[in-house]
């Protein structure tokens, strides 16, 4: 059986089709972030959903605050994210981003 996070991601991507992975997302492509516990970071840009299965998905927790450490203006593969506790803002684990897989809504034939 799938984990709770994998099930949540599968439900989110229902009706979407995977495209070729991309290395970076610009600022407008990462406005809406959703963290799926122990699974992935998901960014929504209009009709496209970008899924990043980080280097250490076990540290992803929707209640933590991600602090992105970018090398440029885009969020890219190999950039680091520190997951911080929402309450005390204690430094947490560092996670490395991987490629972003874009999923686009499949148009239904009429």
N, C-alpha and C. Protein backbone atom coordinates (compact mmCIF):
# COMPACT_ATOMS: atom_id res chain seq x y z
N UNK A 1 0.83 -1.20 0.00
CA UNK A 1 0.00 0.00 0.00
C UNK A 1 0.87 1.27 0.00
N UNK A 2 0.35 2.33 -0.59
CA UNK A 2 1.07 3.60 -0.62
C UNK A 2 1.04 4.26 0.75
N UNK A 3 2.08 5.05 1.04
CA UNK A 3 2.09 5.81 2.29
C UNK A 3 1.02 6.90 2.20
N UNK A 4 0.72 7.52 3.32
CA UNK A 4 -0.28 8.58 3.35
C UNK A 4 0.11 9.72 2.41
N UNK A 5 1.40 10.10 2.43
CA UNK A 5 1.89 11.18 1.57
C UNK A 5 1.80 10.82 0.10
N UNK A 6 2.17 9.59 -0.25
CA UNK A 6 2.10 9.15 -1.66
C UNK A 6 0.66 9.11 -2.14
N UNK A 7 -0.26 8.71 -1.27
CA UNK A 7 -1.67 8.69 -1.61
C UNK A 7 -2.18 10.11 -1.85
N UNK A 8 -1.79 11.04 -0.97
CA UNK A 8 -2.19 12.44 -1.10
C UNK A 8 -1.66 13.03 -2.42
N UNK A 9 -0.40 12.73 -2.74
CA UNK A 9 0.19 13.22 -3.99
C UNK A 9 -0.52 12.62 -5.20
N UNK A 10 -0.79 11.33 -5.16
CA UNK A 10 -1.48 10.67 -6.27
C UNK A 10 -2.86 11.29 -6.51
N UNK A 11 -3.56 11.61 -5.43
CA UNK A 11 -4.89 12.24 -5.55
C UNK A 11 -4.77 13.64 -6.16
N UNK A 12 -3.76 14.38 -5.73
CA UNK A 12 -3.52 15.72 -6.25
C UNK A 12 -3.22 15.71 -7.75
N UNK A 13 -2.50 14.68 -8.20
CA UNK A 13 -2.07 14.61 -9.60
C UNK A 13 -3.05 13.86 -10.51
N UNK A 14 -4.18 13.46 -9.95
CA UNK A 14 -5.18 12.75 -10.75
C UNK A 14 -5.65 13.66 -11.89
N UNK A 15 -5.60 13.14 -13.13
CA UNK A 15 -6.00 13.93 -14.28
C UNK A 15 -4.88 14.79 -14.85
N UNK A 16 -3.68 14.62 -14.31
CA UNK A 16 -2.51 15.36 -14.79
C UNK A 16 -1.53 14.39 -15.46
N UNK A 17 -0.73 14.91 -16.36
CA UNK A 17 0.25 14.11 -17.08
C UNK A 17 1.65 14.68 -16.84
N UNK A 18 2.62 13.82 -16.54
CA UNK A 18 3.99 14.25 -16.28
C UNK A 18 4.68 14.70 -17.56
N UNK A 19 5.51 15.73 -17.44
CA UNK A 19 6.32 16.22 -18.55
C UNK A 19 7.79 15.99 -18.26
N UNK A 20 8.65 16.56 -19.09
CA UNK A 20 10.09 16.45 -18.89
C UNK A 20 10.50 17.28 -17.68
N UNK A 21 11.35 16.72 -16.80
CA UNK A 21 11.80 17.48 -15.63
C UNK A 21 12.54 18.76 -16.03
N UNK A 22 12.40 19.78 -15.20
CA UNK A 22 13.12 21.04 -15.40
C UNK A 22 14.04 21.27 -14.21
N UNK A 23 15.13 22.01 -14.45
CA UNK A 23 16.12 22.23 -13.39
C UNK A 23 15.75 23.36 -12.43
N UNK A 24 15.02 24.36 -12.93
CA UNK A 24 14.73 25.53 -12.09
C UNK A 24 13.29 26.01 -12.24
N UNK A 25 12.84 26.74 -11.23
CA UNK A 25 11.55 27.44 -11.28
C UNK A 25 11.83 28.91 -11.00
N UNK A 26 11.24 29.79 -11.82
CA UNK A 26 11.41 31.22 -11.52
C UNK A 26 10.43 31.62 -10.42
N UNK A 27 10.50 32.86 -10.01
CA UNK A 27 9.71 33.32 -8.86
C UNK A 27 8.21 33.10 -9.07
N UNK A 28 7.68 33.42 -10.25
CA UNK A 28 6.24 33.30 -10.48
C UNK A 28 5.77 31.84 -10.48
N UNK A 29 6.67 30.92 -10.79
CA UNK A 29 6.29 29.50 -10.83
C UNK A 29 6.25 28.86 -9.45
N UNK A 30 6.71 29.55 -8.46
CA UNK A 30 6.75 28.94 -7.13
C UNK A 30 5.98 29.75 -6.09
N UNK A 31 4.97 30.47 -6.55
CA UNK A 31 4.17 31.27 -5.63
C UNK A 31 3.38 30.43 -4.64
N UNK A 32 2.83 29.32 -5.12
CA UNK A 32 1.95 28.52 -4.27
C UNK A 32 2.63 27.19 -3.93
N UNK A 33 3.11 27.09 -2.70
CA UNK A 33 3.83 25.90 -2.25
C UNK A 33 2.96 25.08 -1.32
N UNK A 34 3.01 23.78 -1.53
CA UNK A 34 2.33 22.83 -0.63
C UNK A 34 3.35 21.76 -0.29
N UNK A 35 3.47 21.46 1.00
CA UNK A 35 4.38 20.41 1.43
C UNK A 35 3.53 19.18 1.76
N UNK A 36 3.89 18.07 1.15
CA UNK A 36 3.21 16.81 1.45
C UNK A 36 4.16 16.01 2.34
N UNK A 37 3.72 15.76 3.56
CA UNK A 37 4.56 15.12 4.57
C UNK A 37 5.31 13.90 4.04
N UNK A 38 6.59 13.85 4.33
CA UNK A 38 7.45 12.70 4.02
C UNK A 38 7.47 12.33 2.53
N UNK A 39 7.07 13.26 1.64
CA UNK A 39 6.92 12.89 0.24
C UNK A 39 7.54 13.88 -0.73
N UNK A 40 7.01 15.11 -0.79
CA UNK A 40 7.45 16.04 -1.83
C UNK A 40 7.05 17.47 -1.51
N UNK A 41 7.71 18.41 -2.20
CA UNK A 41 7.30 19.81 -2.23
C UNK A 41 6.58 19.99 -3.55
N UNK A 42 5.41 20.62 -3.51
CA UNK A 42 4.59 20.79 -4.70
C UNK A 42 4.34 22.29 -4.91
N UNK A 43 4.66 22.75 -6.11
CA UNK A 43 4.47 24.15 -6.47
C UNK A 43 3.42 24.21 -7.57
N UNK A 44 2.46 25.13 -7.45
CA UNK A 44 1.41 25.25 -8.47
C UNK A 44 1.59 26.57 -9.21
N UNK A 45 1.56 26.49 -10.53
CA UNK A 45 1.67 27.68 -11.38
C UNK A 45 0.59 27.57 -12.45
N UNK A 46 -0.55 28.20 -12.19
CA UNK A 46 -1.66 28.12 -13.14
C UNK A 46 -2.13 26.68 -13.31
N UNK A 47 -2.04 26.17 -14.55
CA UNK A 47 -2.50 24.83 -14.85
C UNK A 47 -1.41 23.77 -14.66
N UNK A 48 -0.24 24.19 -14.20
CA UNK A 48 0.87 23.26 -14.05
C UNK A 48 1.22 23.07 -12.58
N UNK A 49 1.48 21.82 -12.22
CA UNK A 49 1.93 21.48 -10.87
C UNK A 49 3.35 20.94 -11.00
N UNK A 50 4.28 21.51 -10.23
CA UNK A 50 5.67 21.04 -10.24
C UNK A 50 5.91 20.25 -8.96
N UNK A 51 6.43 19.04 -9.10
CA UNK A 51 6.69 18.18 -7.95
C UNK A 51 8.20 18.02 -7.78
N UNK A 52 8.68 18.27 -6.57
CA UNK A 52 10.09 18.09 -6.28
C UNK A 52 10.21 17.06 -5.16
N UNK A 53 10.77 15.92 -5.50
CA UNK A 53 11.04 14.88 -4.49
C UNK A 53 12.47 15.16 -4.01
N UNK A 54 12.56 15.86 -2.93
CA UNK A 54 13.85 16.35 -2.43
C UNK A 54 14.80 15.20 -2.06
N UNK A 55 16.01 15.60 -1.68
CA UNK A 55 17.02 14.60 -1.30
C UNK A 55 16.65 13.84 -0.03
N UNK A 56 15.80 14.43 0.79
CA UNK A 56 15.44 13.80 2.07
C UNK A 56 13.97 14.05 2.39
N UNK A 57 13.07 13.40 1.64
CA UNK A 57 11.64 13.65 1.86
C UNK A 57 11.16 13.34 3.27
N UNK A 58 11.88 12.50 3.99
CA UNK A 58 11.45 12.15 5.35
C UNK A 58 11.44 13.38 6.28
N UNK A 59 12.15 14.46 5.88
CA UNK A 59 12.17 15.67 6.71
C UNK A 59 11.09 16.67 6.32
N UNK A 60 10.28 16.36 5.33
CA UNK A 60 9.23 17.29 4.92
C UNK A 60 8.04 17.16 5.85
N UNK A 61 7.64 18.30 6.40
CA UNK A 61 6.52 18.34 7.35
C UNK A 61 5.74 19.62 7.08
N UNK A 62 4.44 19.48 6.80
CA UNK A 62 3.63 20.64 6.45
C UNK A 62 3.58 21.70 7.55
N UNK A 63 3.95 21.35 8.77
CA UNK A 63 3.91 22.32 9.86
C UNK A 63 5.23 23.07 10.03
N UNK A 64 6.27 22.67 9.30
CA UNK A 64 7.53 23.38 9.34
C UNK A 64 7.55 24.50 8.31
N UNK A 65 8.44 25.45 8.50
CA UNK A 65 8.58 26.57 7.57
C UNK A 65 9.85 26.34 6.74
N UNK A 66 9.72 26.26 5.41
CA UNK A 66 10.91 26.08 4.58
C UNK A 66 11.64 27.41 4.38
N UNK A 67 12.95 27.41 4.59
CA UNK A 67 13.77 28.59 4.34
C UNK A 67 14.69 28.22 3.17
N UNK A 68 14.44 28.84 2.02
CA UNK A 68 15.17 28.50 0.79
C UNK A 68 16.48 29.26 0.73
N UNK A 69 17.55 28.55 0.36
CA UNK A 69 18.87 29.16 0.17
C UNK A 69 19.19 29.08 -1.31
N UNK A 70 18.90 30.17 -2.01
CA UNK A 70 19.05 30.20 -3.46
C UNK A 70 20.42 30.75 -3.86
N UNK A 71 20.93 30.26 -4.98
CA UNK A 71 22.19 30.77 -5.52
C UNK A 71 21.94 31.85 -6.56
N UNK A 72 20.68 32.01 -6.97
CA UNK A 72 20.29 33.04 -7.93
C UNK A 72 18.86 33.44 -7.63
N UNK A 73 18.16 33.99 -8.62
CA UNK A 73 16.78 34.40 -8.38
C UNK A 73 15.81 33.23 -8.56
N UNK A 74 16.26 32.17 -9.22
CA UNK A 74 15.42 31.00 -9.42
C UNK A 74 15.69 29.94 -8.36
N UNK A 75 14.69 29.11 -8.11
CA UNK A 75 14.86 27.96 -7.22
C UNK A 75 15.27 26.80 -8.11
N UNK A 76 16.45 26.25 -7.86
CA UNK A 76 16.99 25.25 -8.78
C UNK A 76 17.40 23.96 -8.08
N UNK A 77 17.58 22.94 -8.92
CA UNK A 77 18.13 21.67 -8.48
C UNK A 77 19.44 21.98 -7.75
N UNK A 78 19.69 21.32 -6.65
CA UNK A 78 20.86 21.47 -5.79
C UNK A 78 20.80 22.67 -4.84
N UNK A 79 19.77 23.55 -4.98
CA UNK A 79 19.60 24.59 -3.96
C UNK A 79 19.17 23.90 -2.67
N UNK A 80 19.46 24.55 -1.55
CA UNK A 80 19.15 23.93 -0.26
C UNK A 80 17.96 24.60 0.41
N UNK A 81 17.25 23.81 1.20
CA UNK A 81 16.10 24.29 1.96
C UNK A 81 16.31 23.83 3.40
N UNK A 82 16.17 24.77 4.32
CA UNK A 82 16.24 24.40 5.73
C UNK A 82 14.80 24.36 6.26
N UNK A 83 14.43 23.25 6.84
CA UNK A 83 13.09 23.10 7.40
C UNK A 83 13.16 23.54 8.87
N UNK A 84 12.44 24.63 9.17
CA UNK A 84 12.47 25.18 10.53
C UNK A 84 11.17 24.94 11.26
N UNK A 85 11.30 24.70 12.54
CA UNK A 85 10.15 24.52 13.42
C UNK A 85 9.35 25.82 13.46
N UNK A 86 8.05 25.74 13.30
CA UNK A 86 7.18 26.92 13.23
C UNK A 86 7.13 27.68 14.57
N UNK A 87 7.24 26.97 15.66
CA UNK A 87 7.13 27.60 16.98
C UNK A 87 8.40 28.33 17.40
N UNK A 88 9.46 27.57 17.60
CA UNK A 88 10.68 28.16 18.13
C UNK A 88 11.65 28.63 17.07
N UNK A 89 11.37 28.35 15.81
CA UNK A 89 12.26 28.73 14.72
C UNK A 89 13.66 28.12 14.87
N UNK A 90 13.70 26.93 15.48
CA UNK A 90 14.98 26.25 15.61
C UNK A 90 15.45 25.80 14.24
N UNK A 91 16.74 25.85 14.05
CA UNK A 91 17.32 25.37 12.79
C UNK A 91 16.99 23.89 12.65
N UNK A 92 16.62 23.52 11.47
CA UNK A 92 16.25 22.13 11.22
C UNK A 92 17.16 21.51 10.18
N UNK A 93 16.76 20.37 9.65
CA UNK A 93 17.57 19.66 8.66
C UNK A 93 17.65 20.43 7.34
N UNK A 94 18.79 20.28 6.67
CA UNK A 94 18.98 20.85 5.33
C UNK A 94 18.60 19.81 4.30
N UNK A 95 17.80 20.21 3.34
CA UNK A 95 17.34 19.34 2.27
C UNK A 95 17.82 19.93 0.95
N UNK A 96 18.24 19.10 0.03
CA UNK A 96 18.66 19.57 -1.29
C UNK A 96 17.54 19.31 -2.29
N UNK A 97 17.27 20.33 -3.10
CA UNK A 97 16.23 20.21 -4.12
C UNK A 97 16.74 19.31 -5.25
N UNK A 98 15.83 18.59 -5.88
CA UNK A 98 16.12 17.80 -7.07
C UNK A 98 15.39 18.45 -8.24
N UNK A 99 15.37 17.77 -9.39
CA UNK A 99 14.67 18.34 -10.54
C UNK A 99 13.17 18.44 -10.26
N UNK A 100 12.53 19.40 -10.92
CA UNK A 100 11.10 19.64 -10.77
C UNK A 100 10.38 18.94 -11.92
N UNK A 101 9.44 18.07 -11.59
CA UNK A 101 8.67 17.37 -12.62
C UNK A 101 7.36 18.12 -12.81
N UNK A 102 7.14 18.67 -14.03
CA UNK A 102 5.89 19.39 -14.29
C UNK A 102 4.76 18.42 -14.66
N UNK A 103 3.61 18.67 -14.11
CA UNK A 103 2.41 17.90 -14.44
C UNK A 103 1.38 18.89 -14.96
N UNK A 104 0.82 18.60 -16.15
CA UNK A 104 -0.20 19.49 -16.71
C UNK A 104 -1.52 18.74 -16.81
N UNK A 105 -2.59 19.50 -16.67
CA UNK A 105 -3.95 18.94 -16.73
C UNK A 105 -4.19 18.34 -18.10
N UNK A 106 -4.70 17.13 -18.11
CA UNK A 106 -5.01 16.45 -19.37
C UNK A 106 -6.38 16.93 -19.84
N UNK A 107 -6.42 17.41 -21.08
CA UNK A 107 -7.69 17.87 -21.64
C UNK A 107 -8.55 16.67 -22.01
N UNK A 108 -9.78 16.68 -21.60
CA UNK A 108 -10.68 15.57 -21.93
C UNK A 108 -11.22 15.77 -23.34
N UNK A 109 -11.25 14.70 -24.12
CA UNK A 109 -11.79 14.76 -25.48
C UNK A 109 -13.29 15.00 -25.44
N UNK A 110 -13.76 15.89 -26.32
CA UNK A 110 -15.19 16.19 -26.31
C UNK A 110 -15.93 15.43 -27.39
